[in-house]
Protein backbone atom coordinates (compact mmCIF):
# COMPACT_ATOMS: atom_id res chain seq x y z
CA MET A 1 -0.01 -0.11 -0.05
CA ASN A 2 0.88 3.63 -0.46
CA ILE A 3 1.16 5.39 3.05
CA LEU A 4 1.50 9.09 3.29
CA VAL A 5 3.04 10.38 6.71
CA THR A 6 2.49 13.99 7.35
CA GLY A 7 4.57 15.94 9.87
CA ALA A 8 7.64 13.90 8.94
CA ASN A 9 10.09 16.11 10.73
CA GLY A 10 8.44 15.85 14.02
CA GLN A 11 9.11 13.52 16.78
CA LEU A 12 6.68 10.90 15.69
CA GLY A 13 7.30 11.36 11.99
CA ASN A 14 10.89 10.68 12.47
CA GLU A 15 10.16 7.47 14.36
CA MET A 16 7.85 6.40 11.55
CA ARG A 17 10.79 6.84 9.07
CA ILE A 18 12.50 4.28 11.27
CA VAL A 19 9.61 1.87 11.10
CA ALA A 20 9.23 2.19 7.48
CA ARG A 21 12.68 0.90 6.73
CA ASP A 22 11.53 -2.71 7.25
CA SER A 23 8.08 -2.37 5.81
CA HIS A 24 6.95 -3.85 2.48
CA ASP A 25 4.68 -0.77 1.97
CA ASN A 26 5.57 2.25 0.17
CA TYR A 27 6.00 5.23 2.43
CA ILE A 28 5.98 8.90 1.38
CA PHE A 29 6.96 11.44 4.08
CA SER A 30 5.69 14.91 3.91
CA ASP A 31 6.17 18.21 5.80
CA VAL A 32 6.36 21.98 5.13
CA VAL A 33 10.19 22.00 5.66
CA GLY A 34 13.07 19.64 4.98
CA ASP A 35 15.14 18.65 2.02
CA ASP A 36 14.55 14.88 2.13
CA ILE A 37 10.70 14.95 2.19
CA VAL A 38 7.78 15.91 -0.03
CA LYS A 39 6.52 19.46 0.60
CA LEU A 40 2.75 19.52 1.67
CA ASP A 41 0.72 22.12 3.42
CA ILE A 42 -2.09 20.09 5.06
CA THR A 43 -4.04 23.21 5.76
CA ASP A 44 -4.61 23.56 1.88
CA PRO A 45 -7.39 20.99 0.91
CA ASP A 46 -6.48 21.13 -2.71
CA ALA A 47 -2.87 20.33 -2.13
CA VAL A 48 -3.92 17.41 0.09
CA LYS A 49 -6.32 15.90 -2.51
CA ASP A 50 -3.61 16.49 -5.25
CA MET A 51 -1.10 14.60 -3.28
CA VAL A 52 -3.43 11.70 -2.59
CA ARG A 53 -4.30 11.56 -6.30
CA LYS A 54 -0.82 11.80 -7.58
CA HIS A 55 0.58 9.04 -5.42
CA ASP A 56 -2.58 6.75 -5.08
CA ILE A 57 -2.42 7.09 -1.25
CA ASP A 58 -4.32 4.24 0.56
CA ILE A 59 -3.48 5.31 4.14
CA ILE A 60 -2.54 8.76 5.70
CA VAL A 61 -0.78 8.74 9.05
CA ASN A 62 -1.18 12.28 10.48
CA CYS A 63 1.68 13.12 12.74
CA ALA A 64 1.39 16.85 12.15
CA ALA A 65 -0.09 19.08 14.88
CA TYR A 66 0.07 22.27 16.78
CA THR A 67 1.51 21.18 20.07
CA ASN A 68 2.60 24.39 21.95
CA VAL A 69 0.14 24.09 24.70
CA ASP A 70 0.81 27.51 26.31
CA LYS A 71 1.16 29.45 23.04
CA ALA A 72 -2.07 28.02 21.67
CA GLU A 73 -4.02 30.18 24.26
CA SER A 74 -2.96 33.27 22.29
CA ASP A 75 -2.73 31.54 18.85
CA LYS A 76 -6.14 29.91 18.79
CA GLU A 77 -6.85 30.40 15.07
CA PHE A 78 -3.66 28.76 13.76
CA ALA A 79 -4.05 25.86 16.53
CA GLU A 80 -7.59 25.33 15.16
CA LYS A 81 -6.37 25.44 11.57
CA LEU A 82 -3.59 22.92 12.04
CA ASN A 83 -5.28 20.62 14.58
CA ALA A 84 -8.88 20.59 13.22
CA LYS A 85 -9.17 22.11 9.83
CA ALA A 86 -6.12 20.23 8.52
CA ALA A 87 -7.60 16.94 9.94
CA GLU A 88 -10.82 17.71 8.01
CA ASN A 89 -8.71 17.97 4.81
CA LEU A 90 -7.05 14.73 5.25
CA ALA A 91 -10.30 13.07 6.26
CA GLU A 92 -12.18 14.29 3.18
CA ALA A 93 -9.28 13.28 0.91
CA MET A 94 -9.44 9.75 2.37
CA ARG A 95 -13.20 9.52 2.21
CA GLU A 96 -13.00 10.42 -1.68
CA ARG A 97 -10.23 7.68 -1.84
CA ASN A 98 -11.96 5.22 0.37
CA GLY A 99 -8.69 4.97 2.26
CA LEU A 100 -7.79 5.10 5.99
CA LEU A 101 -6.83 8.00 8.10
CA ILE A 102 -4.69 7.28 11.15
CA HIS A 103 -4.81 10.43 13.29
CA VAL A 104 -2.85 11.12 16.43
CA SER A 105 -4.59 12.94 19.31
CA THR A 106 -3.77 13.73 22.88
CA ASP A 107 -4.61 13.13 26.61
CA TYR A 108 -5.34 16.83 26.77
CA VAL A 109 -8.88 16.20 25.61
CA PHE A 110 -9.22 15.13 29.21
CA GLY A 111 -8.07 18.44 30.73
CA GLY A 112 -10.69 18.57 33.56
CA SER A 113 -10.63 16.42 36.69
CA LEU A 114 -12.21 13.12 36.37
CA GLY A 115 -10.78 11.31 39.40
CA ASN A 116 -7.59 9.08 39.66
CA THR A 117 -8.57 6.11 37.43
CA PRO A 118 -7.16 5.62 33.92
CA ARG A 119 -9.02 7.22 31.16
CA THR A 120 -10.94 5.02 28.80
CA GLU A 121 -11.92 5.92 25.30
CA GLU A 122 -15.56 5.90 26.19
CA GLU A 123 -15.17 8.76 28.93
CA PRO A 124 -16.52 12.27 27.83
CA ALA A 125 -13.94 14.66 26.84
CA ASN A 126 -13.66 17.89 28.75
CA PRO A 127 -10.65 19.97 27.73
CA THR A 128 -9.52 22.94 29.73
CA GLY A 129 -7.41 24.88 27.12
CA VAL A 130 -7.17 25.76 23.44
CA TYR A 131 -4.76 22.94 22.57
CA GLY A 132 -7.03 20.22 23.98
CA LEU A 133 -10.09 21.82 22.42
CA THR A 134 -8.71 22.09 19.02
CA LYS A 135 -7.41 18.59 19.22
CA LEU A 136 -10.95 17.44 20.15
CA HIS A 137 -12.35 19.30 17.23
CA GLY A 138 -10.02 17.42 15.07
CA GLU A 139 -11.29 14.12 16.40
CA GLU A 140 -14.97 15.24 15.82
CA VAL A 141 -14.49 16.43 12.22
CA ILE A 142 -12.77 13.03 11.47
CA LYS A 143 -15.52 11.00 12.95
CA ASN A 144 -18.12 13.05 11.16
CA SER A 145 -16.39 13.00 7.69
CA GLY A 146 -17.52 9.62 6.49
CA CYS A 147 -13.97 8.40 6.00
CA LYS A 148 -12.43 5.18 7.59
CA TYR A 149 -10.36 6.27 10.53
CA VAL A 150 -8.34 5.22 13.59
CA ILE A 151 -7.65 7.92 16.22
CA LEU A 152 -4.82 7.17 18.57
CA ARG A 153 -4.72 9.48 21.72
CA THR A 154 -1.30 9.52 23.37
CA ALA A 155 0.42 11.38 26.16
CA TRP A 156 3.96 12.73 27.29
CA LEU A 157 5.53 12.05 24.05
CA TYR A 158 9.27 12.00 23.77
CA SER A 159 11.96 10.55 21.36
CA GLU A 160 15.52 10.97 20.20
CA PHE A 161 14.26 13.77 17.84
CA GLY A 162 13.39 17.50 18.32
CA LYS A 163 12.67 19.27 21.47
CA ASN A 164 10.89 17.19 24.36
CA PHE A 165 10.92 16.82 28.10
CA VAL A 166 13.52 13.99 28.12
CA LYS A 167 16.12 15.97 26.19
CA THR A 168 15.45 19.12 28.21
CA MET A 169 15.94 17.31 31.57
CA LEU A 170 18.97 15.55 30.26
CA ASN A 171 20.55 18.99 29.73
CA LEU A 172 19.21 20.62 32.97
CA THR A 173 20.13 17.67 35.29
CA ALA A 174 23.71 17.67 33.75
CA THR A 175 24.18 21.50 34.07
CA LYS A 176 22.18 22.58 37.16
CA PRO A 177 22.97 22.08 40.78
CA GLN A 178 19.29 21.99 41.81
CA LEU A 179 16.03 21.48 39.93
CA LYS A 180 12.34 21.75 40.89
CA VAL A 181 9.78 19.46 39.10
CA VAL A 182 6.22 19.18 39.59
CA PHE A 183 4.87 16.09 41.29
CA ASP A 184 1.09 16.78 41.22
CA GLN A 185 0.69 15.99 37.56
CA VAL A 186 0.54 12.30 36.99
CA GLY A 187 0.53 10.26 33.67
CA THR A 188 2.58 7.92 31.61
CA PRO A 189 5.44 8.90 29.23
CA THR A 190 5.15 7.61 25.67
CA TYR A 191 8.38 6.69 23.63
CA GLY A 192 7.85 7.85 20.10
CA LEU A 193 9.28 4.54 18.50
CA ASP A 194 6.82 2.54 20.62
CA LEU A 195 3.92 4.64 19.34
CA ALA A 196 5.14 4.29 15.81
CA ARG A 197 5.23 0.55 16.10
CA ALA A 198 1.62 0.69 17.53
CA ILE A 199 0.75 2.67 14.34
CA GLU A 200 2.46 -0.15 12.31
CA ALA A 201 0.16 -2.58 14.08
CA VAL A 202 -2.83 -0.54 12.92
CA ILE A 203 -1.66 -0.60 9.32
CA LYS A 204 -1.09 -4.40 9.48
CA ASP A 205 -4.55 -4.84 10.83
CA TYR A 206 -6.07 -2.72 8.07
CA GLU A 207 -4.24 -4.83 5.48
CA SER A 208 -5.39 -8.10 6.98
CA GLN A 209 -8.45 -10.17 5.89
CA GLU A 210 -10.54 -9.29 8.89
CA PRO A 211 -9.43 -5.77 10.22
CA LYS A 212 -10.66 -4.97 13.66
CA ALA A 213 -9.50 -1.38 14.07
CA ILE A 214 -11.74 0.50 11.88
CA ASN A 215 -13.49 3.70 12.95
CA GLN A 216 -12.26 3.44 16.41
CA ILE A 217 -10.52 5.62 18.95
CA TYR A 218 -7.58 4.03 20.94
CA HIS A 219 -5.41 5.01 23.68
CA TYR A 220 -1.69 4.36 23.67
CA SER A 221 1.05 5.33 25.96
CA ASN A 222 3.70 3.14 27.69
CA GLU A 223 2.73 1.05 30.75
CA GLY A 224 2.89 2.36 34.31
CA VAL A 225 2.37 5.47 36.13
CA CYS A 226 4.66 8.40 37.20
CA SER A 227 4.62 12.16 37.94
CA TRP A 228 6.95 14.60 36.11
CA TYR A 229 9.15 14.57 39.19
CA ASP A 230 9.54 10.67 39.03
CA PHE A 231 10.18 10.94 35.31
CA THR A 232 12.98 13.36 35.83
CA LYS A 233 14.51 11.38 38.60
CA MET A 234 14.72 8.31 36.32
CA ILE A 235 16.13 10.35 33.31
CA ALA A 236 18.90 11.73 35.65
CA GLU A 237 19.59 8.24 37.27
CA TYR A 238 19.85 6.51 33.80
CA ALA A 239 22.03 9.17 32.36
CA GLY A 240 24.33 9.33 35.50
CA ASN A 241 23.56 12.84 36.21
CA THR A 242 23.62 12.26 40.04
CA GLU A 243 25.00 15.52 41.26
CA CYS A 244 21.82 17.44 40.59
CA ASP A 245 19.47 17.90 43.59
CA ILE A 246 15.95 17.14 42.01
CA GLN A 247 13.11 18.42 44.40
CA PRO A 248 9.40 17.94 44.04
CA CYS A 249 7.05 21.00 43.69
CA HIS A 250 3.46 22.01 43.08
CA SER A 251 2.31 23.00 39.79
CA ASP A 252 1.41 26.51 40.99
CA GLU A 253 5.08 27.20 41.31
CA PHE A 254 5.21 27.27 37.61
CA PRO A 255 2.32 29.57 36.46
CA SER A 256 0.80 28.56 33.10
CA PRO A 257 -2.15 29.95 31.09
CA VAL A 258 -3.52 26.42 30.73
CA VAL A 259 -4.85 24.05 33.54
CA ARG A 260 -2.96 20.82 32.71
CA PRO A 261 -4.45 17.45 33.38
CA SER A 262 -3.52 16.43 36.94
CA TYR A 263 -4.20 12.81 36.23
CA SER A 264 -4.01 11.63 32.54
CA VAL A 265 -3.14 7.98 32.61
CA LEU A 266 -4.52 6.30 29.75
CA ASP A 267 -6.23 2.93 29.89
CA LYS A 268 -4.93 0.76 26.94
CA THR A 269 -7.05 -2.34 27.46
CA LYS A 270 -8.72 -1.82 24.15
CA ILE A 271 -5.81 -1.57 21.86
CA LYS A 272 -4.04 -4.46 23.49
CA ARG A 273 -7.28 -6.58 23.11
CA ASP A 274 -8.08 -5.62 19.52
CA LEU A 275 -4.51 -5.51 18.04
CA GLY A 276 -2.75 -8.15 20.40
CA ILE A 277 0.08 -5.75 20.99
CA THR A 278 2.46 -5.92 23.98
CA ILE A 279 3.21 -2.35 25.36
CA PRO A 280 6.66 -1.71 27.06
CA TYR A 281 6.91 -0.42 30.55
CA TRP A 282 7.89 3.23 30.77
CA THR A 283 11.23 2.90 32.32
CA ASP A 284 12.33 0.14 29.88
CA SER A 285 11.49 2.34 26.91
CA LEU A 286 13.25 5.31 28.56
CA ARG A 287 16.38 3.27 28.92
CA THR A 288 16.15 2.41 25.25
CA CYS A 289 15.67 5.93 24.16
CA LEU A 290 18.69 7.21 26.09
CA ALA A 291 20.86 4.42 24.69
CA ASN A 292 19.85 5.44 21.25
CA LEU A 293 20.73 9.00 22.06
CA LYS A 294 24.20 8.03 23.12
């Protein structure tokens, strides 16, 4: 099959490039920048449809998104354009093609407090900021488009590529004598390569005789639970940055225009059941990423 991956220069897009190396499918990687990819502005519906027709695209994996949570509060129009309108463009192109759209969403659709139990796909969304709201709008336009889709909600994404929490904390714990990190926001990190392999499992399911993952929302992160403080402690320990004094603190010590989810652990029962995948524990995947970074 011909598979188009948007946002190819982002964290997940780069991990999809790694997964594609061993695939029998034909991958085309697109973004608005980069010398080794096809240029595509996914906010332009005609450009998207032209790309799909020209390359006979069967599956689109949408890794592109507006992800600056704080900045989205003052940049709502562009966040909506990239997270919702672009998703609608991709969905419409796949509807015309009768292809599949695999779209990556976020735990931020659960911005409000829903207690301390892992979030299932059936729980009502209640975003508290522009980022989560625009990502929810993206989910809604896809579901209402009439195209075949799979939506994957993920959380706390990191990888060897681009800017992310792991790389930031590697630097800070290596250069700062003391560091404060919030302990009252709890979730599960997601290693980008693991998420890319989950997307690969969705693709293989779609290519099978009896696909199970059509028109579904799934949750995917690594297994386990931690706070940002716990996450940082493990990053520093595995990297050997033992001289930094890492202290827990409350979220209100780092004011933000957005109320971040206090508990956003995702329940992965559904994706493990339908696709038969095994999800790595978060510390194991963190070790793998750090080894790859070295």
